[in-house]
Amino acid sequence: MGEMPAETSSADLMVDLIISLDGYASAEGWPGWWGLEGPEYLGWLEEEGKKNYAFLMGANTYRAMSSMSEEAAAEGSGFSKEEGAALTGLDAVPKVVFSSTLQAPLTWPNSKLVTGNAVEAVREMKRTGTRPLSTLGSLSLCRSLLTAGLVDRFRLVVFPVITGRTGRERIYDDYPDVSLEMVDSRTFDGRLQLLEYIPTVLDGPPDSNAG
C-alpha cells in the first residue's frame, strides 16, 4: 500500500527541518535555534554547507531569508556570530525559488526564480540534475513535494522545547500519512536530536488484517 519514496533519479531530494518537540518550526519571541545551538551542532552545520546542495524554497522563505542575510552582513546586526555566518554563507550557494508573485531578477545572489508548477519543476530537476537538493524552510513546498513522492530523505533536528503558547508554523498540518524508515540518528551537544528517514507516502492507515 502507498507510494514509493521518490522515483529513481540522479539528484536526491531531502526535506530538512528544525522543530520543537511539539512540532513547531519557530516560536514568537524566541531567538534563532531556540537559543540552544552548541558547538557540535554548529560544526555539523558547517560541514553540511560543504555538500554542494541546491536549496529549494518558496516566496515567503525567500523574502525572510534574503532580508536576514542582508541584515546579517551589516555591522551591529544583532545576530550572533554563528547566526550571521550561517545567513551570509547562503549568498554563495545556488537557490531555486518557486513563486508566482516575485519578479526576476531576484536580488539575493545565486537565486533562480521558477514561476511554474513547483512539483513538476522539481521532478525535472531530479531527473536531469546531478547536484543534491534540499529544502530551506518553506513548509507548504515541503508538504507538496512529500505528497508527490519526490522526497528521498526526511530529516529533522528536534530541539528540546515545547512552545505550545508561542509556537508558530505547525509543521505537520495537512500532511498525508507517511511511514518512516530510520536511516540515521545522532545527538548534538547532549540535547539536540537528529533523525533521518526514508519516507513512504501511504494511502491511509495500514491494514491491521494484512498478512
N, C-alpha and C. Protein backbone atom coordinates (compact mmCIF):
# COMPACT_ATOMS: atom_id res chain seq x y z
N MET A 1 0.84 -1.19 0.00
CA MET A 1 0.00 0.00 0.00
C MET A 1 0.88 1.24 0.00
N GLY A 2 0.44 2.27 -0.72
CA GLY A 2 1.16 3.53 -0.66
C GLY A 2 2.06 3.76 -1.83
N GLU A 3 2.66 4.93 -1.84
CA GLU A 3 3.51 5.38 -2.94
C GLU A 3 4.96 5.20 -2.56
N MET A 4 5.75 4.74 -3.48
CA MET A 4 7.17 4.54 -3.19
C MET A 4 7.85 5.86 -2.91
N PRO A 5 8.89 5.87 -2.07
CA PRO A 5 9.53 7.12 -1.66
C PRO A 5 10.46 7.65 -2.73
N ALA A 6 9.93 8.45 -3.63
CA ALA A 6 10.73 9.13 -4.65
C ALA A 6 11.17 8.19 -5.75
N GLU A 7 11.00 8.66 -6.98
CA GLU A 7 11.42 7.89 -8.11
C GLU A 7 12.93 7.92 -8.26
N THR A 8 13.49 6.93 -8.97
CA THR A 8 14.93 6.88 -9.17
C THR A 8 15.41 8.13 -9.89
N SER A 9 16.47 8.73 -9.42
CA SER A 9 16.94 9.98 -10.00
C SER A 9 18.41 10.16 -9.72
N SER A 10 19.03 11.11 -10.45
CA SER A 10 20.43 11.40 -10.19
C SER A 10 20.62 12.45 -9.12
N ALA A 11 19.58 13.23 -8.81
CA ALA A 11 19.68 14.29 -7.81
C ALA A 11 18.72 13.98 -6.67
N ASP A 12 19.24 13.51 -5.54
CA ASP A 12 18.38 13.20 -4.40
C ASP A 12 17.83 14.47 -3.77
N LEU A 13 16.61 14.35 -3.23
CA LEU A 13 15.95 15.49 -2.60
C LEU A 13 15.74 15.19 -1.12
N MET A 14 16.15 16.14 -0.27
CA MET A 14 15.96 16.00 1.17
C MET A 14 15.09 17.14 1.68
N VAL A 15 14.06 16.79 2.42
CA VAL A 15 13.33 17.78 3.22
C VAL A 15 14.07 17.88 4.55
N ASP A 16 14.48 19.08 4.90
CA ASP A 16 15.35 19.31 6.06
C ASP A 16 14.71 20.35 6.96
N LEU A 17 14.33 19.96 8.17
CA LEU A 17 13.57 20.83 9.05
C LEU A 17 14.17 20.85 10.45
N ILE A 18 14.03 21.99 11.12
CA ILE A 18 14.28 22.04 12.56
C ILE A 18 12.95 22.26 13.24
N ILE A 19 12.72 21.56 14.37
CA ILE A 19 11.41 21.61 15.01
C ILE A 19 11.56 21.62 16.52
N SER A 20 10.55 22.18 17.17
CA SER A 20 10.41 22.00 18.62
C SER A 20 9.84 20.61 18.86
N LEU A 21 9.87 20.15 20.09
CA LEU A 21 9.37 18.82 20.40
C LEU A 21 7.89 18.69 20.05
N ASP A 22 7.13 19.80 20.12
CA ASP A 22 5.71 19.73 19.79
C ASP A 22 5.43 20.12 18.34
N GLY A 23 6.46 20.15 17.49
CA GLY A 23 6.24 20.22 16.06
C GLY A 23 6.10 21.60 15.45
N TYR A 24 6.67 22.62 16.07
CA TYR A 24 6.66 23.96 15.51
C TYR A 24 8.02 24.28 14.87
N ALA A 25 7.96 25.09 13.79
CA ALA A 25 9.19 25.49 13.11
C ALA A 25 9.84 26.71 13.76
N SER A 26 9.08 27.47 14.52
CA SER A 26 9.62 28.67 15.16
C SER A 26 8.70 29.03 16.32
N ALA A 27 9.10 30.05 17.07
CA ALA A 27 8.27 30.49 18.19
C ALA A 27 8.46 31.99 18.39
N GLU A 28 7.37 32.67 18.62
CA GLU A 28 7.40 34.12 18.77
C GLU A 28 8.21 34.51 20.01
N GLY A 29 9.17 35.42 19.82
CA GLY A 29 9.96 35.94 20.94
C GLY A 29 11.19 35.13 21.27
N TRP A 30 11.32 33.93 20.67
CA TRP A 30 12.49 33.10 20.93
C TRP A 30 13.59 33.44 19.94
N PRO A 31 14.86 33.28 20.33
CA PRO A 31 15.96 33.52 19.38
C PRO A 31 16.05 32.39 18.35
N GLY A 32 16.87 32.59 17.33
CA GLY A 32 17.10 31.54 16.35
C GLY A 32 17.62 30.28 17.01
N TRP A 33 17.22 29.12 16.44
CA TRP A 33 17.57 27.82 17.01
C TRP A 33 17.10 27.70 18.45
N TRP A 34 16.09 28.48 18.82
CA TRP A 34 15.55 28.48 20.19
C TRP A 34 16.64 28.75 21.23
N GLY A 35 17.76 29.33 20.79
CA GLY A 35 18.85 29.65 21.71
C GLY A 35 19.62 28.44 22.20
N LEU A 36 19.48 27.29 21.53
CA LEU A 36 20.06 26.05 22.03
C LEU A 36 21.16 25.49 21.13
N GLU A 37 21.60 26.26 20.15
CA GLU A 37 22.69 25.75 19.31
C GLU A 37 23.98 25.63 20.13
N GLY A 38 24.75 24.60 19.85
CA GLY A 38 26.02 24.38 20.55
C GLY A 38 27.12 24.09 19.54
N PRO A 39 28.36 23.92 20.00
CA PRO A 39 29.49 23.76 19.09
C PRO A 39 29.39 22.53 18.19
N GLU A 40 28.88 21.41 18.72
CA GLU A 40 28.75 20.22 17.86
C GLU A 40 27.76 20.47 16.73
N TYR A 41 26.63 21.06 17.06
CA TYR A 41 25.61 21.32 16.05
C TYR A 41 26.11 22.33 15.02
N LEU A 42 26.73 23.38 15.48
CA LEU A 42 27.23 24.40 14.57
C LEU A 42 28.33 23.84 13.67
N GLY A 43 29.18 22.98 14.23
CA GLY A 43 30.21 22.34 13.41
C GLY A 43 29.61 21.44 12.35
N TRP A 44 28.55 20.73 12.73
CA TRP A 44 27.86 19.87 11.76
C TRP A 44 27.23 20.70 10.65
N LEU A 45 26.60 21.82 11.01
CA LEU A 45 26.02 22.71 10.00
C LEU A 45 27.09 23.19 9.02
N GLU A 46 28.25 23.50 9.54
CA GLU A 46 29.34 23.96 8.67
C GLU A 46 29.74 22.87 7.68
N GLU A 47 29.84 21.63 8.16
CA GLU A 47 30.18 20.52 7.28
C GLU A 47 29.08 20.27 6.26
N GLU A 48 27.82 20.38 6.69
CA GLU A 48 26.71 20.20 5.75
C GLU A 48 26.76 21.25 4.64
N GLY A 49 27.22 22.44 4.98
CA GLY A 49 27.30 23.51 3.99
C GLY A 49 28.30 23.25 2.88
N LYS A 50 29.16 22.25 3.06
CA LYS A 50 30.15 21.91 2.05
C LYS A 50 29.67 20.81 1.09
N LYS A 51 28.43 20.38 1.23
CA LYS A 51 27.94 19.23 0.46
C LYS A 51 27.29 19.61 -0.87
N ASN A 52 27.41 20.87 -1.26
CA ASN A 52 27.04 21.27 -2.61
C ASN A 52 25.55 21.17 -2.90
N TYR A 53 24.72 21.36 -1.87
CA TYR A 53 23.28 21.34 -2.08
C TYR A 53 22.83 22.55 -2.90
N ALA A 54 21.78 22.35 -3.69
CA ALA A 54 20.97 23.46 -4.19
C ALA A 54 19.74 23.53 -3.30
N PHE A 55 19.40 24.72 -2.83
CA PHE A 55 18.31 24.88 -1.87
C PHE A 55 17.04 25.31 -2.58
N LEU A 56 15.93 24.68 -2.20
CA LEU A 56 14.62 24.96 -2.77
C LEU A 56 13.78 25.69 -1.73
N MET A 57 13.06 26.72 -2.17
CA MET A 57 12.24 27.49 -1.23
C MET A 57 11.10 28.18 -1.94
N GLY A 58 10.11 28.61 -1.16
CA GLY A 58 9.01 29.41 -1.67
C GLY A 58 9.24 30.88 -1.44
N ALA A 59 8.27 31.68 -1.85
CA ALA A 59 8.43 33.14 -1.82
C ALA A 59 8.59 33.68 -0.41
N ASN A 60 7.78 33.18 0.55
CA ASN A 60 7.85 33.72 1.91
C ASN A 60 9.21 33.46 2.54
N THR A 61 9.72 32.24 2.34
CA THR A 61 11.04 31.93 2.88
C THR A 61 12.11 32.77 2.19
N TYR A 62 11.98 32.95 0.88
CA TYR A 62 12.95 33.78 0.15
C TYR A 62 12.97 35.20 0.73
N ARG A 63 11.80 35.78 0.90
CA ARG A 63 11.75 37.15 1.41
C ARG A 63 12.40 37.25 2.79
N ALA A 64 12.05 36.29 3.66
CA ALA A 64 12.56 36.33 5.03
C ALA A 64 14.07 36.09 5.08
N MET A 65 14.53 35.06 4.38
CA MET A 65 15.94 34.68 4.47
C MET A 65 16.85 35.66 3.75
N SER A 66 16.43 36.18 2.61
CA SER A 66 17.26 37.15 1.90
C SER A 66 17.39 38.43 2.71
N SER A 67 16.30 38.83 3.37
CA SER A 67 16.34 40.02 4.22
C SER A 67 17.26 39.80 5.42
N MET A 68 17.16 38.61 6.03
CA MET A 68 18.01 38.31 7.18
C MET A 68 19.48 38.23 6.77
N SER A 69 19.76 37.68 5.59
CA SER A 69 21.14 37.59 5.11
C SER A 69 21.72 38.98 4.90
N GLU A 70 20.92 39.86 4.31
CA GLU A 70 21.38 41.24 4.10
C GLU A 70 21.62 41.94 5.42
N GLU A 71 20.71 41.73 6.37
CA GLU A 71 20.86 42.34 7.69
C GLU A 71 22.09 41.80 8.41
N ALA A 72 22.34 40.48 8.29
CA ALA A 72 23.47 39.87 8.97
C ALA A 72 24.81 40.38 8.45
N ALA A 73 24.83 40.83 7.19
CA ALA A 73 26.07 41.33 6.60
C ALA A 73 26.41 42.74 7.09
N ALA A 74 25.44 43.43 7.68
CA ALA A 74 25.66 44.79 8.16
C ALA A 74 26.24 44.78 9.56
N GLU A 75 26.98 45.83 9.89
CA GLU A 75 27.55 45.94 11.23
C GLU A 75 26.45 46.16 12.26
N GLY A 76 26.65 45.57 13.44
CA GLY A 76 25.67 45.75 14.51
C GLY A 76 24.32 45.15 14.21
N SER A 77 24.32 44.01 13.52
CA SER A 77 23.05 43.42 13.09
C SER A 77 22.24 42.83 14.24
N GLY A 78 22.91 42.46 15.32
CA GLY A 78 22.20 41.83 16.42
C GLY A 78 22.20 40.31 16.35
N PHE A 79 22.60 39.75 15.20
CA PHE A 79 22.74 38.30 15.10
C PHE A 79 24.02 37.85 15.81
N SER A 80 23.98 36.66 16.35
CA SER A 80 25.21 36.10 16.91
C SER A 80 26.20 35.84 15.78
N LYS A 81 27.46 35.65 16.14
CA LYS A 81 28.48 35.37 15.12
C LYS A 81 28.11 34.15 14.30
N GLU A 82 27.61 33.10 14.99
CA GLU A 82 27.26 31.86 14.30
C GLU A 82 26.06 32.04 13.38
N GLU A 83 25.03 32.75 13.88
CA GLU A 83 23.85 33.01 13.04
C GLU A 83 24.24 33.84 11.83
N GLY A 84 25.05 34.86 12.04
CA GLY A 84 25.46 35.73 10.93
C GLY A 84 26.23 34.97 9.87
N ALA A 85 27.14 34.10 10.31
CA ALA A 85 27.92 33.31 9.35
C ALA A 85 27.04 32.37 8.55
N ALA A 86 26.07 31.74 9.21
CA ALA A 86 25.16 30.82 8.53
C ALA A 86 24.31 31.56 7.50
N LEU A 87 23.84 32.75 7.86
CA LEU A 87 22.98 33.51 6.96
C LEU A 87 23.75 34.07 5.76
N THR A 88 24.88 34.69 6.02
CA THR A 88 25.64 35.27 4.91
C THR A 88 26.25 34.19 4.02
N GLY A 89 26.52 33.02 4.60
CA GLY A 89 27.06 31.92 3.81
C GLY A 89 26.10 31.44 2.75
N LEU A 90 24.79 31.69 2.94
CA LEU A 90 23.81 31.27 1.95
C LEU A 90 23.89 32.08 0.67
N ASP A 91 24.57 33.24 0.70
CA ASP A 91 24.70 34.05 -0.52
C ASP A 91 25.36 33.26 -1.64
N ALA A 92 26.33 32.42 -1.29
CA ALA A 92 27.16 31.77 -2.29
C ALA A 92 26.57 30.48 -2.85
N VAL A 93 25.53 29.95 -2.22
CA VAL A 93 25.02 28.65 -2.65
C VAL A 93 23.86 28.84 -3.63
N PRO A 94 23.67 27.89 -4.55
CA PRO A 94 22.55 28.01 -5.51
C PRO A 94 21.21 27.82 -4.81
N LYS A 95 20.26 28.66 -5.20
CA LYS A 95 18.93 28.64 -4.60
C LYS A 95 17.88 28.70 -5.72
N VAL A 96 16.85 27.88 -5.61
CA VAL A 96 15.75 27.88 -6.57
C VAL A 96 14.50 28.31 -5.82
N VAL A 97 13.86 29.37 -6.31
CA VAL A 97 12.72 29.96 -5.62
C VAL A 97 11.47 29.77 -6.47
N PHE A 98 10.44 29.17 -5.87
CA PHE A 98 9.20 28.91 -6.58
C PHE A 98 8.17 29.95 -6.16
N SER A 99 7.72 30.76 -7.13
CA SER A 99 6.79 31.83 -6.80
C SER A 99 6.09 32.35 -8.05
N SER A 100 4.82 32.70 -7.89
CA SER A 100 4.09 33.36 -8.98
C SER A 100 3.95 34.86 -8.70
N THR A 101 4.51 35.32 -7.58
CA THR A 101 4.38 36.73 -7.20
C THR A 101 5.69 37.51 -7.29
N LEU A 102 6.82 36.85 -7.10
CA LEU A 102 8.10 37.53 -7.20
C LEU A 102 8.42 37.83 -8.66
N GLN A 103 9.30 38.81 -8.86
CA GLN A 103 9.70 39.21 -10.21
C GLN A 103 11.20 39.00 -10.38
N ALA A 104 11.59 38.49 -11.55
CA ALA A 104 13.01 38.36 -11.88
C ALA A 104 13.53 39.72 -12.37
N PRO A 105 14.83 40.00 -12.16
CA PRO A 105 15.81 39.14 -11.49
C PRO A 105 15.71 39.27 -9.97
N LEU A 106 15.95 38.17 -9.27
CA LEU A 106 15.96 38.19 -7.82
C LEU A 106 17.25 38.84 -7.32
N THR A 107 17.15 39.56 -6.21
CA THR A 107 18.30 40.32 -5.72
C THR A 107 19.27 39.49 -4.89
N TRP A 108 18.81 38.41 -4.28
CA TRP A 108 19.70 37.57 -3.48
C TRP A 108 20.63 36.82 -4.43
N PRO A 109 21.93 36.92 -4.25
CA PRO A 109 22.87 36.28 -5.19
C PRO A 109 22.59 34.78 -5.34
N ASN A 110 22.80 34.30 -6.57
CA ASN A 110 22.69 32.87 -6.89
C ASN A 110 21.29 32.31 -6.68
N SER A 111 20.28 33.15 -6.92
CA SER A 111 18.89 32.73 -6.79
C SER A 111 18.22 32.69 -8.16
N LYS A 112 17.56 31.59 -8.46
CA LYS A 112 16.84 31.43 -9.72
C LYS A 112 15.35 31.35 -9.43
N LEU A 113 14.55 32.11 -10.18
CA LEU A 113 13.10 32.14 -9.99
C LEU A 113 12.44 31.15 -10.94
N VAL A 114 11.54 30.32 -10.40
CA VAL A 114 10.72 29.42 -11.20
C VAL A 114 9.27 29.78 -10.93
N THR A 115 8.53 30.15 -11.98
CA THR A 115 7.16 30.62 -11.80
C THR A 115 6.12 29.53 -12.08
N GLY A 116 6.54 28.40 -12.65
CA GLY A 116 5.60 27.34 -12.98
C GLY A 116 5.33 26.41 -11.81
N ASN A 117 4.77 25.27 -12.09
CA ASN A 117 4.40 24.30 -11.08
C ASN A 117 5.64 23.75 -10.37
N ALA A 118 5.69 23.92 -9.06
CA ALA A 118 6.90 23.55 -8.31
C ALA A 118 7.14 22.05 -8.34
N VAL A 119 6.08 21.25 -8.19
CA VAL A 119 6.25 19.80 -8.17
C VAL A 119 6.83 19.31 -9.50
N GLU A 120 6.28 19.78 -10.60
CA GLU A 120 6.78 19.35 -11.91
C GLU A 120 8.20 19.85 -12.15
N ALA A 121 8.50 21.06 -11.70
CA ALA A 121 9.86 21.60 -11.87
C ALA A 121 10.87 20.78 -11.08
N VAL A 122 10.52 20.41 -9.86
CA VAL A 122 11.44 19.61 -9.04
C VAL A 122 11.57 18.20 -9.60
N ARG A 123 10.48 17.66 -10.12
CA ARG A 123 10.54 16.34 -10.75
C ARG A 123 11.57 16.35 -11.89
N GLU A 124 11.57 17.42 -12.69
CA GLU A 124 12.52 17.52 -13.79
C GLU A 124 13.94 17.76 -13.29
N MET A 125 14.09 18.54 -12.23
CA MET A 125 15.41 18.77 -11.63
C MET A 125 16.00 17.45 -11.13
N LYS A 126 15.17 16.63 -10.53
CA LYS A 126 15.64 15.33 -10.04
C LYS A 126 16.03 14.41 -11.20
N ARG A 127 15.28 14.51 -12.29
CA ARG A 127 15.53 13.62 -13.43
C ARG A 127 16.81 13.99 -14.16
N THR A 128 17.08 15.28 -14.27
CA THR A 128 18.20 15.72 -15.11
C THR A 128 19.41 16.22 -14.32
N GLY A 129 19.25 16.49 -13.04
CA GLY A 129 20.32 17.13 -12.28
C GLY A 129 21.31 16.15 -11.69
N THR A 130 22.42 16.68 -11.23
CA THR A 130 23.44 15.88 -10.56
C THR A 130 23.76 16.43 -9.17
N ARG A 131 23.26 17.60 -8.86
CA ARG A 131 23.52 18.22 -7.56
C ARG A 131 22.43 17.80 -6.57
N PRO A 132 22.80 17.44 -5.33
CA PRO A 132 21.76 17.11 -4.34
C PRO A 132 20.90 18.33 -4.03
N LEU A 133 19.63 18.08 -3.74
CA LEU A 133 18.65 19.13 -3.48
C LEU A 133 18.20 19.06 -2.03
N SER A 134 17.96 20.24 -1.44
CA SER A 134 17.45 20.29 -0.08
C SER A 134 16.50 21.46 0.05
N THR A 135 15.42 21.27 0.79
CA THR A 135 14.52 22.38 1.07
C THR A 135 15.14 23.29 2.12
N LEU A 136 14.67 24.54 2.13
CA LEU A 136 15.06 25.51 3.15
C LEU A 136 13.76 26.14 3.65
N GLY A 137 13.36 25.78 4.87
CA GLY A 137 12.08 26.27 5.36
C GLY A 137 10.94 25.80 4.47
N SER A 138 10.05 26.75 4.10
CA SER A 138 9.05 26.53 3.05
C SER A 138 8.17 25.31 3.33
N LEU A 139 7.38 25.39 4.39
CA LEU A 139 6.64 24.23 4.86
C LEU A 139 5.62 23.72 3.84
N SER A 140 4.94 24.61 3.14
CA SER A 140 3.96 24.15 2.15
C SER A 140 4.64 23.49 0.97
N LEU A 141 5.80 23.99 0.56
CA LEU A 141 6.57 23.34 -0.51
C LEU A 141 7.01 21.95 -0.08
N CYS A 142 7.52 21.82 1.14
CA CYS A 142 7.93 20.51 1.66
C CYS A 142 6.77 19.53 1.62
N ARG A 143 5.61 19.99 2.06
CA ARG A 143 4.43 19.12 2.09
C ARG A 143 4.04 18.67 0.68
N SER A 144 4.08 19.59 -0.28
CA SER A 144 3.71 19.25 -1.66
C SER A 144 4.69 18.25 -2.27
N LEU A 145 5.97 18.44 -2.02
CA LEU A 145 6.98 17.54 -2.59
C LEU A 145 6.90 16.15 -1.95
N LEU A 146 6.62 16.12 -0.65
CA LEU A 146 6.47 14.83 0.03
C LEU A 146 5.24 14.09 -0.49
N THR A 147 4.13 14.80 -0.60
CA THR A 147 2.89 14.19 -1.07
C THR A 147 3.05 13.62 -2.48
N ALA A 148 3.86 14.29 -3.31
CA ALA A 148 4.09 13.85 -4.69
C ALA A 148 5.07 12.68 -4.79
N GLY A 149 5.63 12.25 -3.65
CA GLY A 149 6.55 11.12 -3.67
C GLY A 149 7.93 11.45 -4.20
N LEU A 150 8.33 12.72 -4.11
CA LEU A 150 9.61 13.14 -4.66
C LEU A 150 10.73 13.19 -3.63
N VAL A 151 10.41 12.98 -2.36
CA VAL A 151 11.38 13.17 -1.28
C VAL A 151 12.12 11.86 -0.99
N ASP A 152 13.44 11.89 -1.08
CA ASP A 152 14.28 10.72 -0.81
C ASP A 152 14.64 10.60 0.67
N ARG A 153 14.83 11.73 1.33
CA ARG A 153 15.18 11.75 2.75
C ARG A 153 14.34 12.80 3.46
N PHE A 154 13.92 12.47 4.68
CA PHE A 154 13.16 13.39 5.52
C PHE A 154 13.96 13.53 6.81
N ARG A 155 14.56 14.71 7.01
CA ARG A 155 15.49 14.89 8.13
C ARG A 155 15.00 15.99 9.07
N LEU A 156 15.06 15.68 10.36
CA LEU A 156 14.65 16.61 11.40
C LEU A 156 15.79 16.79 12.39
N VAL A 157 15.93 18.00 12.91
CA VAL A 157 16.70 18.20 14.14
C VAL A 157 15.70 18.70 15.17
N VAL A 158 15.50 17.90 16.21
CA VAL A 158 14.48 18.19 17.23
C VAL A 158 15.14 18.94 18.39
N PHE A 159 14.59 20.10 18.70
CA PHE A 159 15.09 20.93 19.80
C PHE A 159 14.23 20.67 21.03
N PRO A 160 14.85 20.51 22.20
CA PRO A 160 14.12 20.08 23.40
C PRO A 160 13.37 21.22 24.08
N VAL A 161 12.37 21.74 23.36
CA VAL A 161 11.49 22.77 23.92
C VAL A 161 10.06 22.45 23.47
N ILE A 162 9.10 22.85 24.29
CA ILE A 162 7.69 22.82 23.93
C ILE A 162 7.22 24.26 23.90
N THR A 163 6.74 24.68 22.75
CA THR A 163 6.34 26.09 22.59
C THR A 163 4.85 26.17 22.28
N GLY A 164 4.06 25.50 23.12
CA GLY A 164 2.63 25.45 22.90
C GLY A 164 1.96 26.81 22.88
N ARG A 165 2.45 27.77 23.65
CA ARG A 165 1.83 29.09 23.70
C ARG A 165 2.40 30.03 22.64
N THR A 166 3.70 29.94 22.39
CA THR A 166 4.34 30.90 21.47
C THR A 166 4.70 30.29 20.13
N GLY A 167 4.48 28.98 19.94
CA GLY A 167 4.89 28.32 18.71
C GLY A 167 4.19 28.87 17.48
N ARG A 168 4.93 28.94 16.38
CA ARG A 168 4.41 29.40 15.10
C ARG A 168 4.81 28.39 14.02
N GLU A 169 4.00 28.28 12.99
CA GLU A 169 4.27 27.41 11.84
C GLU A 169 4.28 25.92 12.25
N ARG A 170 3.09 25.39 12.38
CA ARG A 170 2.96 23.96 12.69
C ARG A 170 3.38 23.16 11.47
N ILE A 171 4.33 22.27 11.65
CA ILE A 171 4.96 21.60 10.51
C ILE A 171 4.05 20.55 9.88
N TYR A 172 3.37 19.75 10.66
CA TYR A 172 2.73 18.57 10.10
C TYR A 172 1.27 18.76 9.71
N ASP A 173 0.73 19.95 9.86
CA ASP A 173 -0.66 20.17 9.46
C ASP A 173 -0.85 19.85 7.97
N ASP A 174 -1.89 19.11 7.65
CA ASP A 174 -2.27 18.76 6.27
C ASP A 174 -1.29 17.81 5.59
N TYR A 175 -0.41 17.17 6.36
CA TYR A 175 0.45 16.13 5.78
C TYR A 175 -0.39 14.89 5.45
N PRO A 176 0.02 14.13 4.45
CA PRO A 176 -0.57 12.81 4.27
C PRO A 176 -0.04 11.86 5.35
N ASP A 177 -0.58 10.66 5.41
CA ASP A 177 0.02 9.63 6.26
C ASP A 177 1.33 9.19 5.61
N VAL A 178 2.36 9.03 6.43
CA VAL A 178 3.70 8.70 5.91
C VAL A 178 4.34 7.69 6.84
N SER A 179 4.88 6.61 6.29
CA SER A 179 5.72 5.72 7.09
C SER A 179 7.17 6.16 6.93
N LEU A 180 7.95 5.96 7.99
CA LEU A 180 9.33 6.47 8.03
C LEU A 180 10.28 5.35 8.43
N GLU A 181 11.26 5.09 7.58
CA GLU A 181 12.31 4.12 7.89
C GLU A 181 13.56 4.89 8.33
N MET A 182 13.95 4.73 9.59
CA MET A 182 15.09 5.48 10.10
C MET A 182 16.40 4.98 9.48
N VAL A 183 17.21 5.93 8.99
CA VAL A 183 18.50 5.58 8.40
C VAL A 183 19.66 6.26 9.12
N ASP A 184 19.36 7.23 9.99
CA ASP A 184 20.44 7.89 10.73
C ASP A 184 19.86 8.59 11.95
N SER A 185 20.65 8.66 13.00
CA SER A 185 20.28 9.45 14.17
C SER A 185 21.55 9.78 14.94
N ARG A 186 21.53 10.92 15.59
CA ARG A 186 22.65 11.28 16.45
C ARG A 186 22.22 12.41 17.37
N THR A 187 23.01 12.66 18.40
CA THR A 187 22.72 13.72 19.35
C THR A 187 23.83 14.77 19.29
N PHE A 188 23.43 16.04 19.24
CA PHE A 188 24.39 17.14 19.26
C PHE A 188 24.37 17.82 20.62
N ASP A 189 25.55 18.04 21.16
CA ASP A 189 25.71 18.83 22.38
C ASP A 189 24.87 18.30 23.53
N GLY A 190 24.58 17.00 23.51
CA GLY A 190 23.85 16.37 24.60
C GLY A 190 22.38 16.74 24.69
N ARG A 191 21.84 17.45 23.65
CA ARG A 191 20.44 17.90 23.78
C ARG A 191 19.65 17.95 22.48
N LEU A 192 20.30 18.12 21.35
CA LEU A 192 19.59 18.19 20.07
C LEU A 192 19.63 16.83 19.40
N GLN A 193 18.49 16.39 18.86
CA GLN A 193 18.40 15.06 18.29
C GLN A 193 18.17 15.14 16.79
N LEU A 194 19.11 14.59 16.02
CA LEU A 194 18.94 14.46 14.57
C LEU A 194 18.27 13.13 14.26
N LEU A 195 17.26 13.17 13.42
CA LEU A 195 16.54 11.97 12.98
C LEU A 195 16.40 12.04 11.46
N GLU A 196 16.88 11.01 10.77
CA GLU A 196 16.79 11.00 9.31
C GLU A 196 16.10 9.72 8.85
N TYR A 197 15.16 9.89 7.93
CA TYR A 197 14.30 8.79 7.50
C TYR A 197 14.19 8.73 5.97
N ILE A 198 13.84 7.54 5.48
CA ILE A 198 13.32 7.38 4.13
C ILE A 198 11.80 7.38 4.27
N PRO A 199 11.11 8.33 3.60
CA PRO A 199 9.66 8.40 3.75
C PRO A 199 8.93 7.62 2.65
N THR A 200 7.79 7.05 3.01
CA THR A 200 6.88 6.45 2.04
C THR A 200 5.48 6.99 2.32
N VAL A 201 4.90 7.65 1.33
CA VAL A 201 3.55 8.21 1.48
C VAL A 201 2.53 7.07 1.40
N LEU A 202 1.60 7.04 2.35
CA LEU A 202 0.60 5.98 2.45
C LEU A 202 -0.76 6.48 1.97
N ASP A 203 -1.56 5.56 1.46
CA ASP A 203 -2.93 5.88 1.09
C ASP A 203 -3.82 6.05 2.32
N GLY A 204 -3.40 5.48 3.43
CA GLY A 204 -4.17 5.54 4.67
C GLY A 204 -3.51 4.65 5.69
N PRO A 205 -4.16 4.42 6.83
CA PRO A 205 -3.58 3.55 7.85
C PRO A 205 -3.31 2.16 7.30
N PRO A 206 -2.27 1.48 7.80
CA PRO A 206 -2.00 0.12 7.34
C PRO A 206 -3.14 -0.83 7.69
N ASP A 207 -3.32 -1.83 6.88
CA ASP A 207 -4.38 -2.81 7.10
C ASP A 207 -3.98 -3.74 8.23
N SER A 208 -4.69 -3.67 9.34
CA SER A 208 -4.32 -4.48 10.51
C SER A 208 -4.54 -5.97 10.26
N ASN A 209 -5.34 -6.29 9.22
CA ASN A 209 -5.60 -7.70 8.93
C ASN A 209 -4.66 -8.29 7.88
N ALA A 210 -3.78 -7.41 7.31
CA ALA A 210 -2.88 -7.88 6.27
C ALA A 210 -1.90 -8.89 6.84
N GLY A 211 -1.57 -9.91 6.04
CA GLY A 211 -0.58 -10.90 6.46
C GLY A 211 -1.14 -11.87 7.46
